[in-house]
Amino acid sequence: MLYIQAGILNVWIPRFFNYGSVKRKVKSIILNFGPQHPAAHGVLRLVLELIGELVERADPHVGFLHRGTEKLIEQRSYLQAMPYFDRLDYVSMMTQEHAFCLGVETLLDTNSGSELYVHIRVLFDELTRIMNHLLAISCHSLDVGNMSPLFWAFEERERLMEFYERVSGARMHAAFYRPNDLDWSGIDHQFFTDVVLFTRNCFKSLTEIFTILATNHIWKTRLVGIGSINTKDAITYSLTGPMLRSIGIKNDLRMVSSDGYASYWSLSITSFVGKNGDSYDRFIIRVREMYESTNLIFQVISNLSSLPSDTDVVPSGSDRIDPYSFSNFLNQVSKNKIKKLSKFTSMEFLIQHFKNYSEGQSVPKGFVYSAVEAPKGELGVSIVSNSTPKPFRCKIRTPAFHHMHSMSRLSQGHYLADLVTILGSQDIVFGDVDR
């Protein structure tokens, strides 16, 4: 009996404990990231497929913030549709207004690169770019675990929002631009002086933020080599802005000579590119763009001050200010305000003014696609007009919507802890994604 048992054991034991011959299969884990997670912006749900702590797949579920903006725009006049563009990417508002205004002006065949309001738009576009990147970098560093840049960045953003409030009365949703015009009520000589002082002081804050992050070993460890993407995938996912330039492709609509917009053609502008296409390259590009924006602001104000002087600054029959001298700008604004107010003594003008604002201005029939280099990338607006005061169709191309598609590709093979780093490096705002 003992021999038989021993014989049985001699046969059975090696078969049972021979681990090398047994094929093991690890089952993946399905995990929900957000929308409650602080780094998920409150409206993003990522369905993750994990193998251990490695991300195998990330499926973004969006639409929690969907408001049907494009259909709402089609039910309103062109002027009434303007405030909707402030509520897409609500940290880079005026650049979106700019895209819509360019589209309407193209349909009206009134595009101009020499009017004063065009230079003012460039000024505010670059102020908005600084505002956007300050939030992007500071919140990204907070997600990774560094709190200090948040205090520098939000102090500067507070000053920028004061500029918004001075010209429009609103800190965020400005509705400042107009087709072929803008709101002149808050523009005066002191405003430009304050912008120059802010830009000079902001340069110091940008240097402090860059120094504390670029010299931080933990920050570089968490970003270098994380979320890399190659040229083929970047083009496939239609990436634009810092996301595309981080792989070395210099694609900047402000520098396109054939399709340049506003008055960027008259400025000396530099666009920056990376090499590795990772999160650290995207961080460096955004910092450099903020430095470049301060340079562009100085150029705009310098160009305004060097324009030839002309005392007759309000053309006859025009409701717009068209000054040619920065030194006489305060007098020009005052004269234009008086001229506009004097027209309201006429009942005919009052009726026409009421009709323009209540019914809207008819726009000639046609189709146009206009795009600007928003802080996050290419923001385009497609408008189909049918000769009525309301757009027949309006379709908005937002950069963050396309960047969100690449989330699965960027996070594949990285650890779960790197997911927040990759999401922060994309600089996504979900009003821009969901619409």
Foldseek 3Di string as FASTA:
>chain_A
DVVVVVVVCVVPVCVVPVVVVDDDDQAWDWDWDDPVDPLVQNFWIWTFTGRDQATAFTDIDGQSPFDPLFVVQQVDFLLVSLLSQCLQQQQQRLQSSVQSLVFQCVLQVNADQQFPVLLVSLLSLLLSLLSLLLVLVQVLCVLLPDNVSVVLSVVLLVVSLVLLCQQAVGSTSRSADDNVAGRCPRDALVSLVVVLVSLVVVVVSLVVSCVVQVPDPSNCVLWPPALWDEQVVCVVLVAFALLNQQCPDQDALCPDPVRHGHNSVVDDADQHGHHGSILVSLSVRSSVSSVRSSVSSVVSVVCQQPFDADPPQADPPDLHGGGRHSVCRRVSSVVSVVVVVVVVVDPVVVVVVVCCVPQNDFGDADWDKGWHQHSLGIKIWIFGHDRGSGTNGIDIDFNLQSVVVCLGVSRHRHGNSSSSSNSSSSSHDSSNNND
